[in-house]
């Protein structure tokens, strides 16, 4: 039996139903519904490629590539949706890693960014970490690429970025 090596290095038996569920979700995102013949083709393609891999263990990244190959042959729009969702998840992991690093800095070093808050207090630390998460979410979902670049280059500054998501911070 083929086992899939997941991102956390645990192993799981290969289950083609999981592939069907994943490709159906990607198809739904582009308002497409696979026919039974298309799903059978995808299942056969993925199963055959997994067996051709020549190992009882396949890393999940390789399995994603196999599924993408099956989708490219079946429906390129769904393949793009599948890739985009995968990239979206990877972006989130990267963003949460940045928040984690910043939270560790706040917890153990403190934060001198705002002179109105004492980062030695537990409640303030919690608030600062929450604000860091909101700031990253705001940048991810509300700012355009041009705005992000302008912020990085120092051309614009967005005041209270952590308080802008879904709220009105002030009436200035």
Protein backbone atom coordinates (compact mmCIF):
# COMPACT_ATOMS: atom_id res chain seq x y z
CA UNK A 1 0.00 0.00 0.00
CA UNK A 2 1.29 3.44 -0.93
CA UNK A 3 1.66 5.92 1.89
CA UNK A 4 1.64 9.69 1.59
CA UNK A 5 4.24 11.59 3.60
CA UNK A 6 2.39 14.64 4.87
CA UNK A 7 3.90 18.07 5.57
CA UNK A 8 4.36 17.23 9.26
CA UNK A 9 6.21 14.00 8.26
CA UNK A 10 3.37 11.73 9.39
CA UNK A 11 2.26 8.97 7.04
CA UNK A 12 -1.21 8.27 5.74
CA UNK A 13 -2.46 5.55 3.42
CA UNK A 14 -3.13 6.76 -0.12
CA UNK A 15 -6.86 7.33 -0.56
CA UNK A 16 -8.08 8.34 -4.00
CA UNK A 17 -11.32 9.69 -2.43
CA UNK A 18 -9.25 12.51 -0.93
CA UNK A 19 -8.08 13.40 -4.44
CA UNK A 20 -11.69 13.40 -5.66
CA UNK A 21 -12.73 15.68 -2.78
CA UNK A 22 -9.85 18.09 -3.45
CA UNK A 23 -10.42 18.33 -7.20
CA UNK A 24 -14.17 18.77 -6.69
CA UNK A 25 -13.50 21.69 -4.34
CA UNK A 26 -11.22 23.26 -6.93
CA UNK A 27 -13.84 22.69 -9.63
CA UNK A 28 -16.52 24.31 -7.47
CA UNK A 29 -14.36 27.43 -7.11
CA UNK A 30 -14.46 27.87 -10.90
CA UNK A 31 -18.12 26.79 -11.14
CA UNK A 32 -17.38 23.53 -12.93
CA UNK A 33 -18.70 20.05 -12.24
CA UNK A 34 -16.70 17.02 -13.30
CA UNK A 35 -18.47 14.22 -15.14
CA UNK A 36 -18.10 10.69 -13.77
CA UNK A 37 -15.82 9.89 -16.74
CA UNK A 38 -13.55 12.84 -15.93
CA UNK A 39 -13.35 11.82 -12.27
CA UNK A 40 -12.53 8.24 -13.30
CA UNK A 41 -9.79 9.55 -15.59
CA UNK A 42 -8.34 11.69 -12.78
CA UNK A 43 -8.43 8.77 -10.32
CA UNK A 44 -6.78 6.41 -12.81
CA UNK A 45 -4.16 9.01 -13.78
CA UNK A 46 -3.24 9.73 -10.16
CA UNK A 47 -3.23 6.07 -9.12
CA UNK A 48 -1.11 5.03 -12.12
CA UNK A 49 1.41 7.85 -11.59
CA UNK A 50 1.62 7.06 -7.87
CA UNK A 51 2.40 3.42 -8.67
CA UNK A 52 4.94 4.47 -11.33
CA UNK A 53 6.74 6.55 -8.69
CA UNK A 54 8.48 3.34 -7.65
CA UNK A 55 8.24 3.81 -3.91
CA UNK A 56 5.83 2.86 -1.14
CA UNK A 57 6.04 6.45 0.14
CA UNK A 58 5.25 9.62 -1.80
CA UNK A 59 5.77 13.14 -0.40
CA UNK A 60 2.61 15.23 -0.45
CA UNK A 61 4.29 17.83 -2.69
CA UNK A 62 4.87 15.14 -5.33
CA UNK A 63 1.25 14.00 -4.97
CA UNK A 64 0.08 17.58 -5.55
CA UNK A 65 2.15 17.66 -8.75
CA UNK A 66 0.55 14.41 -9.92
CA UNK A 67 -2.94 15.77 -9.24
CA UNK A 68 -2.07 18.99 -11.08
CA UNK A 69 -0.97 16.91 -14.07
CA UNK A 70 -4.29 15.06 -14.08
CA UNK A 71 -6.20 18.33 -13.87
CA UNK A 72 -4.14 19.96 -16.65
CA UNK A 73 -5.11 17.07 -18.91
CA UNK A 74 -8.77 17.28 -17.88
CA UNK A 75 -9.57 20.97 -17.30
CA UNK A 76 -6.84 23.65 -17.17
CA UNK A 77 -9.15 26.14 -15.38
CA UNK A 78 -9.63 23.68 -12.51
CA UNK A 79 -5.88 22.99 -12.50
CA UNK A 80 -5.26 26.73 -12.05
CA UNK A 81 -7.81 26.84 -9.22
CA UNK A 82 -6.08 23.90 -7.53
CA UNK A 83 -2.65 25.57 -7.82
CA UNK A 84 -3.97 28.94 -6.65
CA UNK A 85 -5.52 27.39 -3.54
CA UNK A 86 -2.30 25.54 -2.80
CA UNK A 87 -0.32 28.79 -3.16
CA UNK A 88 -2.90 30.58 -0.98
CA UNK A 89 -2.33 28.06 1.81
CA UNK A 90 1.44 28.42 1.47
CA UNK A 91 1.09 32.21 1.66
CA UNK A 92 -0.92 31.84 4.87
CA UNK A 93 1.72 29.59 6.41
CA UNK A 94 4.38 32.19 5.55
CA UNK A 95 2.24 35.00 6.98
CA UNK A 96 1.57 33.10 10.23
CA UNK A 97 5.28 32.33 10.55
CA UNK A 98 5.99 36.08 10.40
CA UNK A 99 3.32 36.74 13.05
CA UNK A 100 4.80 33.99 15.22
CA UNK A 101 8.31 35.48 14.99
CA UNK A 102 6.95 38.93 15.86
CA UNK A 103 4.92 37.47 18.76
CA UNK A 104 8.04 35.81 20.17
CA UNK A 105 9.82 39.14 19.98
CA UNK A 106 6.94 40.85 21.80
CA UNK A 107 6.81 38.12 24.47
CA UNK A 108 10.51 38.02 25.28
CA UNK A 109 11.97 41.35 24.18
CA UNK A 110 9.01 43.70 24.29
CA UNK A 111 7.74 46.28 21.83
CA UNK A 112 8.80 49.91 21.69
CA UNK A 113 6.69 50.84 18.64
CA UNK A 114 3.98 52.60 20.65
CA UNK A 115 4.97 54.71 23.64
CA UNK A 116 1.35 54.63 24.88
CA UNK A 117 1.49 50.92 25.69
CA UNK A 118 3.59 49.04 28.23
CA UNK A 119 4.64 45.80 26.56
CA UNK A 120 5.69 44.36 29.92
CA UNK A 121 2.00 43.78 30.77
CA UNK A 122 0.46 40.47 29.70
CA UNK A 123 -2.74 42.12 28.47
CA UNK A 124 -0.73 44.54 26.33
CA UNK A 125 1.36 41.69 24.91
CA UNK A 126 -1.83 39.89 23.91
CA UNK A 127 -3.15 43.04 22.26
CA UNK A 128 0.14 43.68 20.42
CA UNK A 129 0.20 40.12 19.07
CA UNK A 130 -3.44 40.38 17.96
CA UNK A 131 -2.64 43.70 16.28
CA UNK A 132 0.28 42.11 14.45
CA UNK A 133 -2.02 39.39 13.10
CA UNK A 134 -4.62 41.96 12.01
CA UNK A 135 -1.92 44.02 10.32
CA UNK A 136 -0.78 41.01 8.27
CA UNK A 137 -4.38 40.11 7.39
CA UNK A 138 -5.02 43.69 6.28
CA UNK A 139 -1.95 43.64 4.06
CA UNK A 140 -2.95 40.27 2.60
CA UNK A 141 -6.59 40.99 1.82
CA UNK A 142 -7.05 44.74 1.46
CA UNK A 143 -3.87 46.20 0.02
CA UNK A 144 -2.99 46.01 -3.65
CA UNK A 145 0.47 44.96 -4.79
CA UNK A 146 1.24 48.59 -5.66
CA UNK A 147 0.23 49.79 -2.18
CA UNK A 148 2.31 47.08 -0.51
CA UNK A 149 5.33 48.02 -2.60
CA UNK A 150 4.86 51.72 -1.82
CA UNK A 151 4.73 50.88 1.92
CA UNK A 152 7.88 48.77 1.69
CA UNK A 153 9.67 51.50 -0.25
CA UNK A 154 8.60 54.13 2.28
CA UNK A 155 6.47 56.22 -0.08
CA UNK A 156 3.29 55.75 1.95
CA UNK A 157 2.52 54.93 5.55
CA UNK A 158 -0.81 53.42 6.59
CA UNK A 159 -1.63 54.65 10.08
CA UNK A 160 -2.98 52.01 12.51
CA UNK A 161 -2.94 49.27 9.89
CA UNK A 162 -3.82 46.73 12.58
CA UNK A 163 -7.07 48.56 13.35
CA UNK A 164 -8.22 49.13 9.76
CA UNK A 165 -9.58 45.69 8.94
CA UNK A 166 -13.40 45.74 8.99
CA UNK A 167 -13.53 48.83 11.19
CA UNK A 168 -13.40 52.57 11.10
CA UNK A 169 -10.51 53.65 13.31
CA UNK A 170 -10.93 57.41 13.30
CA UNK A 171 -12.57 60.18 11.30
CA UNK A 172 -9.47 62.05 10.19
